[in-house]
């Protein structure tokens, strides 16, 4: 395991961590969001009938996401990218569930 000897790098993916406020810079997004996004991604992955489909959605969303507005909320921006990518990949089959998961973690989308 990559982080076997580095407790500070480990993230428990099954968690109830919540988003807290507006984040507009990548350093804050990384510091504040890793546990929350990890938990949300894991929950999304578990909700798909085929986990590989969720993995493809998350990977494609990450590659496609190109934030350009320095004042925009990066968490909201990536959530919107997830939704758009699901719309393109599966006709929006998972959008309601993705929104429910992210809203339950405090993201206002």
N, C-alpha and C. Protein backbone atom coordinates (compact mmCIF):
# COMPACT_ATOMS: atom_id res chain seq x y z
N UNK A 1 0.84 -1.17 0.00
CA UNK A 1 0.00 0.00 0.00
C UNK A 1 0.89 1.24 0.00
N UNK A 2 0.52 2.19 -0.80
CA UNK A 2 1.26 3.44 -0.95
C UNK A 2 1.48 4.15 0.39
N UNK A 3 0.45 4.26 1.19
CA UNK A 3 0.53 5.05 2.42
C UNK A 3 0.68 4.19 3.67
N UNK A 4 1.17 2.98 3.52
CA UNK A 4 1.22 2.04 4.65
C UNK A 4 1.91 2.61 5.89
N UNK A 5 2.97 3.37 5.69
CA UNK A 5 3.70 3.91 6.83
C UNK A 5 3.42 5.40 7.08
N UNK A 6 2.37 5.91 6.49
CA UNK A 6 2.08 7.35 6.60
C UNK A 6 0.61 7.55 6.97
N UNK A 7 0.34 7.51 8.25
CA UNK A 7 -1.04 7.67 8.74
C UNK A 7 -1.69 8.95 8.22
N UNK A 8 -0.91 10.02 8.09
CA UNK A 8 -1.47 11.31 7.67
C UNK A 8 -1.98 11.28 6.23
N UNK A 9 -1.57 10.29 5.44
CA UNK A 9 -2.01 10.19 4.05
C UNK A 9 -3.22 9.27 3.87
N UNK A 10 -3.55 8.52 4.88
CA UNK A 10 -4.66 7.58 4.77
C UNK A 10 -6.00 8.29 4.93
N UNK A 11 -6.97 7.86 4.16
CA UNK A 11 -8.33 8.39 4.25
C UNK A 11 -9.28 7.22 4.38
N UNK A 12 -10.08 7.23 5.41
CA UNK A 12 -11.09 6.20 5.58
C UNK A 12 -12.23 6.51 4.62
N UNK A 13 -12.47 5.63 3.65
CA UNK A 13 -13.44 5.92 2.61
C UNK A 13 -14.89 5.76 3.06
N UNK A 14 -15.13 4.90 4.00
CA UNK A 14 -16.49 4.80 4.55
C UNK A 14 -16.57 5.78 5.70
N UNK A 15 -17.16 6.95 5.42
CA UNK A 15 -17.25 7.99 6.43
C UNK A 15 -18.49 8.84 6.17
N UNK A 16 -18.78 9.72 7.08
CA UNK A 16 -19.91 10.64 6.95
C UNK A 16 -19.43 12.09 6.90
N UNK A 17 -18.21 12.31 6.44
CA UNK A 17 -17.65 13.65 6.39
C UNK A 17 -18.52 14.56 5.51
N UNK A 18 -18.54 15.84 5.86
CA UNK A 18 -19.41 16.80 5.18
C UNK A 18 -18.60 17.96 4.60
N UNK A 19 -19.10 18.50 3.49
CA UNK A 19 -18.53 19.70 2.89
C UNK A 19 -18.83 20.88 3.79
N UNK A 20 -17.89 21.81 3.89
CA UNK A 20 -18.06 22.98 4.75
C UNK A 20 -17.68 24.24 3.98
N UNK A 21 -18.65 24.92 3.45
CA UNK A 21 -18.41 26.23 2.85
C UNK A 21 -17.84 26.24 1.45
N UNK A 22 -17.65 27.44 0.95
CA UNK A 22 -17.16 27.74 -0.39
C UNK A 22 -15.65 27.52 -0.46
N UNK A 23 -15.20 26.83 -1.49
CA UNK A 23 -13.76 26.61 -1.68
C UNK A 23 -13.40 27.01 -3.09
N UNK A 24 -12.50 28.00 -3.23
CA UNK A 24 -12.17 28.51 -4.56
C UNK A 24 -10.70 28.34 -4.94
N UNK A 25 -9.90 27.71 -4.07
CA UNK A 25 -8.52 27.47 -4.47
C UNK A 25 -8.17 26.00 -4.24
N UNK A 26 -7.28 25.50 -5.06
CA UNK A 26 -6.99 24.07 -5.09
C UNK A 26 -6.34 23.58 -3.79
N UNK A 27 -5.57 24.42 -3.10
CA UNK A 27 -4.96 24.00 -1.85
C UNK A 27 -6.02 23.77 -0.79
N UNK A 28 -6.94 24.71 -0.66
CA UNK A 28 -8.04 24.52 0.30
C UNK A 28 -8.91 23.35 -0.10
N UNK A 29 -9.16 23.20 -1.40
CA UNK A 29 -9.99 22.08 -1.87
C UNK A 29 -9.35 20.75 -1.49
N UNK A 30 -8.05 20.67 -1.62
CA UNK A 30 -7.35 19.43 -1.28
C UNK A 30 -7.37 19.20 0.23
N UNK A 31 -7.04 20.22 1.00
CA UNK A 31 -7.00 20.07 2.45
C UNK A 31 -8.37 19.79 3.06
N UNK A 32 -9.40 20.44 2.56
CA UNK A 32 -10.73 20.31 3.14
C UNK A 32 -11.56 19.19 2.51
N UNK A 33 -11.24 18.84 1.29
CA UNK A 33 -12.13 17.95 0.57
C UNK A 33 -11.74 16.51 0.45
N UNK A 34 -10.49 16.14 0.77
CA UNK A 34 -10.07 14.77 0.48
C UNK A 34 -10.90 13.72 1.20
N UNK A 35 -11.18 13.91 2.46
CA UNK A 35 -11.96 12.93 3.21
C UNK A 35 -13.42 12.92 2.75
N UNK A 36 -13.97 14.11 2.51
CA UNK A 36 -15.36 14.21 2.09
C UNK A 36 -15.55 13.59 0.71
N UNK A 37 -14.69 13.99 -0.24
CA UNK A 37 -14.81 13.43 -1.60
C UNK A 37 -14.54 11.94 -1.59
N UNK A 38 -13.56 11.50 -0.82
CA UNK A 38 -13.28 10.06 -0.75
C UNK A 38 -14.50 9.29 -0.29
N UNK A 39 -15.17 9.78 0.74
CA UNK A 39 -16.38 9.14 1.24
C UNK A 39 -17.51 9.20 0.24
N UNK A 40 -17.67 10.36 -0.40
CA UNK A 40 -18.74 10.51 -1.40
C UNK A 40 -18.49 9.59 -2.59
N UNK A 41 -17.25 9.54 -3.07
CA UNK A 41 -16.92 8.67 -4.20
C UNK A 41 -17.17 7.21 -3.85
N UNK A 42 -16.80 6.82 -2.64
CA UNK A 42 -17.01 5.43 -2.24
C UNK A 42 -18.50 5.11 -2.17
N UNK A 43 -19.27 6.05 -1.63
CA UNK A 43 -20.72 5.86 -1.54
C UNK A 43 -21.34 5.78 -2.95
N UNK A 44 -20.89 6.65 -3.85
CA UNK A 44 -21.37 6.60 -5.24
C UNK A 44 -21.00 5.25 -5.85
N UNK A 45 -19.77 4.82 -5.65
CA UNK A 45 -19.30 3.55 -6.22
C UNK A 45 -20.15 2.39 -5.71
N UNK A 46 -20.46 2.38 -4.42
CA UNK A 46 -21.26 1.30 -3.85
C UNK A 46 -22.71 1.33 -4.35
N UNK A 47 -23.18 2.48 -4.80
CA UNK A 47 -24.57 2.59 -5.25
C UNK A 47 -24.77 2.10 -6.69
N UNK A 48 -23.69 1.99 -7.44
CA UNK A 48 -23.79 1.50 -8.82
C UNK A 48 -23.86 -0.02 -8.82
N UNK A 49 -24.65 -0.58 -9.72
CA UNK A 49 -24.74 -2.04 -9.81
C UNK A 49 -23.43 -2.64 -10.29
N UNK A 50 -22.68 -1.87 -11.06
CA UNK A 50 -21.36 -2.30 -11.52
C UNK A 50 -20.34 -1.25 -11.08
N UNK A 51 -19.51 -1.56 -10.08
CA UNK A 51 -18.55 -0.56 -9.58
C UNK A 51 -17.63 0.00 -10.67
N UNK A 52 -17.32 -0.80 -11.68
CA UNK A 52 -16.47 -0.31 -12.77
C UNK A 52 -17.09 0.87 -13.49
N UNK A 53 -18.42 0.91 -13.58
CA UNK A 53 -19.11 2.05 -14.20
C UNK A 53 -18.89 3.32 -13.38
N UNK A 54 -18.93 3.19 -12.08
CA UNK A 54 -18.68 4.34 -11.21
C UNK A 54 -17.23 4.80 -11.34
N UNK A 55 -16.32 3.84 -11.41
CA UNK A 55 -14.90 4.19 -11.58
C UNK A 55 -14.69 4.97 -12.87
N UNK A 56 -15.33 4.51 -13.95
CA UNK A 56 -15.21 5.21 -15.23
C UNK A 56 -15.82 6.60 -15.17
N UNK A 57 -16.96 6.73 -14.48
CA UNK A 57 -17.59 8.04 -14.31
C UNK A 57 -16.67 8.99 -13.57
N UNK A 58 -16.11 8.54 -12.47
CA UNK A 58 -15.25 9.40 -11.66
C UNK A 58 -13.97 9.78 -12.41
N UNK A 59 -13.37 8.82 -13.10
CA UNK A 59 -12.14 9.10 -13.86
C UNK A 59 -12.43 10.06 -15.02
N UNK A 60 -13.50 9.82 -15.76
CA UNK A 60 -13.84 10.69 -16.88
C UNK A 60 -14.18 12.10 -16.41
N UNK A 61 -14.85 12.20 -15.28
CA UNK A 61 -15.19 13.51 -14.73
C UNK A 61 -13.94 14.28 -14.35
N UNK A 62 -13.00 13.60 -13.73
CA UNK A 62 -11.75 14.24 -13.31
C UNK A 62 -10.97 14.75 -14.52
N UNK A 63 -10.88 13.93 -15.56
CA UNK A 63 -10.15 14.31 -16.77
C UNK A 63 -10.84 15.48 -17.47
N UNK A 64 -12.16 15.48 -17.50
CA UNK A 64 -12.91 16.51 -18.22
C UNK A 64 -13.00 17.83 -17.47
N UNK A 65 -12.86 17.80 -16.15
CA UNK A 65 -13.06 19.01 -15.33
C UNK A 65 -11.95 20.00 -15.55
N UNK A 66 -12.33 21.21 -15.96
CA UNK A 66 -11.37 22.28 -16.22
C UNK A 66 -11.89 23.58 -15.59
N UNK A 67 -11.68 23.77 -14.29
CA UNK A 67 -12.16 25.01 -13.67
C UNK A 67 -11.43 26.22 -14.24
N UNK A 68 -12.19 27.24 -14.59
CA UNK A 68 -11.58 28.43 -15.19
C UNK A 68 -11.86 29.70 -14.40
N UNK A 69 -12.93 29.74 -13.64
CA UNK A 69 -13.30 30.94 -12.88
C UNK A 69 -12.66 30.86 -11.49
N UNK A 70 -11.71 31.74 -11.19
CA UNK A 70 -11.02 31.67 -9.89
C UNK A 70 -11.93 31.96 -8.69
N UNK A 71 -13.12 32.49 -8.92
CA UNK A 71 -14.04 32.79 -7.83
C UNK A 71 -15.08 31.69 -7.62
N UNK A 72 -15.12 30.74 -8.54
CA UNK A 72 -16.16 29.71 -8.43
C UNK A 72 -15.81 28.70 -7.34
N UNK A 73 -16.82 28.04 -6.82
CA UNK A 73 -16.65 27.02 -5.80
C UNK A 73 -16.19 25.74 -6.50
N UNK A 74 -15.01 25.27 -6.18
CA UNK A 74 -14.45 24.09 -6.84
C UNK A 74 -15.26 22.83 -6.54
N UNK A 75 -15.80 22.73 -5.35
CA UNK A 75 -16.60 21.55 -5.00
C UNK A 75 -17.87 21.50 -5.86
N UNK A 76 -18.55 22.63 -5.99
CA UNK A 76 -19.75 22.70 -6.82
C UNK A 76 -19.39 22.43 -8.28
N UNK A 77 -18.29 22.99 -8.72
CA UNK A 77 -17.85 22.79 -10.10
C UNK A 77 -17.60 21.33 -10.42
N UNK A 78 -16.94 20.62 -9.51
CA UNK A 78 -16.68 19.21 -9.78
C UNK A 78 -17.97 18.40 -9.69
N UNK A 79 -18.85 18.74 -8.77
CA UNK A 79 -20.14 18.05 -8.67
C UNK A 79 -20.91 18.21 -9.99
N UNK A 80 -20.90 19.41 -10.54
CA UNK A 80 -21.57 19.64 -11.82
C UNK A 80 -20.92 18.84 -12.94
N UNK A 81 -19.61 18.68 -12.89
CA UNK A 81 -18.92 17.87 -13.88
C UNK A 81 -19.31 16.40 -13.77
N UNK A 82 -19.44 15.90 -12.54
CA UNK A 82 -19.91 14.52 -12.34
C UNK A 82 -21.28 14.32 -12.97
N UNK A 83 -22.16 15.28 -12.74
CA UNK A 83 -23.53 15.19 -13.26
C UNK A 83 -23.52 15.23 -14.79
N UNK A 84 -22.75 16.13 -15.37
CA UNK A 84 -22.68 16.23 -16.83
C UNK A 84 -22.07 14.97 -17.43
N UNK A 85 -21.05 14.44 -16.81
CA UNK A 85 -20.42 13.23 -17.32
C UNK A 85 -21.38 12.05 -17.24
N UNK A 86 -22.14 11.96 -16.16
CA UNK A 86 -23.14 10.89 -16.07
C UNK A 86 -24.19 11.05 -17.17
N UNK A 87 -24.57 12.29 -17.43
CA UNK A 87 -25.55 12.55 -18.50
C UNK A 87 -25.00 12.04 -19.84
N UNK A 88 -23.72 12.29 -20.10
CA UNK A 88 -23.11 11.87 -21.36
C UNK A 88 -22.87 10.36 -21.42
N UNK A 89 -22.47 9.76 -20.31
CA UNK A 89 -22.12 8.33 -20.31
C UNK A 89 -23.32 7.41 -20.19
N UNK A 90 -24.31 7.81 -19.41
CA UNK A 90 -25.42 6.87 -19.15
C UNK A 90 -26.79 7.51 -19.29
N UNK A 91 -26.85 8.63 -19.98
CA UNK A 91 -28.13 9.30 -20.16
C UNK A 91 -28.70 9.88 -18.87
N UNK A 92 -27.84 10.12 -17.89
CA UNK A 92 -28.27 10.72 -16.62
C UNK A 92 -28.90 9.74 -15.65
N UNK A 93 -28.64 8.47 -15.87
CA UNK A 93 -29.24 7.40 -15.07
C UNK A 93 -28.96 7.53 -13.57
N UNK A 94 -27.83 8.12 -13.18
CA UNK A 94 -27.42 8.16 -11.77
C UNK A 94 -27.49 9.56 -11.16
N UNK A 95 -27.96 10.54 -11.92
CA UNK A 95 -27.89 11.93 -11.47
C UNK A 95 -28.61 12.15 -10.15
N UNK A 96 -29.82 11.66 -10.02
CA UNK A 96 -30.57 11.89 -8.78
C UNK A 96 -29.84 11.29 -7.58
N UNK A 97 -29.27 10.11 -7.76
CA UNK A 97 -28.57 9.47 -6.65
C UNK A 97 -27.28 10.23 -6.31
N UNK A 98 -26.56 10.67 -7.32
CA UNK A 98 -25.34 11.45 -7.09
C UNK A 98 -25.68 12.72 -6.31
N UNK A 99 -26.72 13.42 -6.74
CA UNK A 99 -27.13 14.64 -6.04
C UNK A 99 -27.52 14.35 -4.60
N UNK A 100 -28.24 13.27 -4.39
CA UNK A 100 -28.66 12.91 -3.02
C UNK A 100 -27.45 12.66 -2.13
N UNK A 101 -26.48 11.93 -2.64
CA UNK A 101 -25.27 11.64 -1.86
C UNK A 101 -24.52 12.93 -1.54
N UNK A 102 -24.31 13.78 -2.53
CA UNK A 102 -23.56 15.02 -2.31
C UNK A 102 -24.32 15.98 -1.40
N UNK A 103 -25.63 16.07 -1.56
CA UNK A 103 -26.43 16.92 -0.67
C UNK A 103 -26.40 16.41 0.77
N UNK A 104 -26.42 15.09 0.94
CA UNK A 104 -26.39 14.53 2.30
C UNK A 104 -25.08 14.85 3.00
N UNK A 105 -24.07 15.20 2.23
CA UNK A 105 -22.77 15.58 2.78
C UNK A 105 -22.59 17.10 2.84
N UNK A 106 -23.67 17.83 2.60
CA UNK A 106 -23.65 19.29 2.80
C UNK A 106 -23.36 20.11 1.57
N UNK A 107 -23.26 19.50 0.39
CA UNK A 107 -23.00 20.28 -0.83
C UNK A 107 -24.32 20.81 -1.35
N UNK A 108 -24.39 22.10 -1.58
CA UNK A 108 -25.63 22.75 -2.02
C UNK A 108 -25.68 22.78 -3.53
N UNK A 109 -26.20 21.68 -4.09
CA UNK A 109 -26.36 21.61 -5.55
C UNK A 109 -27.82 21.36 -5.89
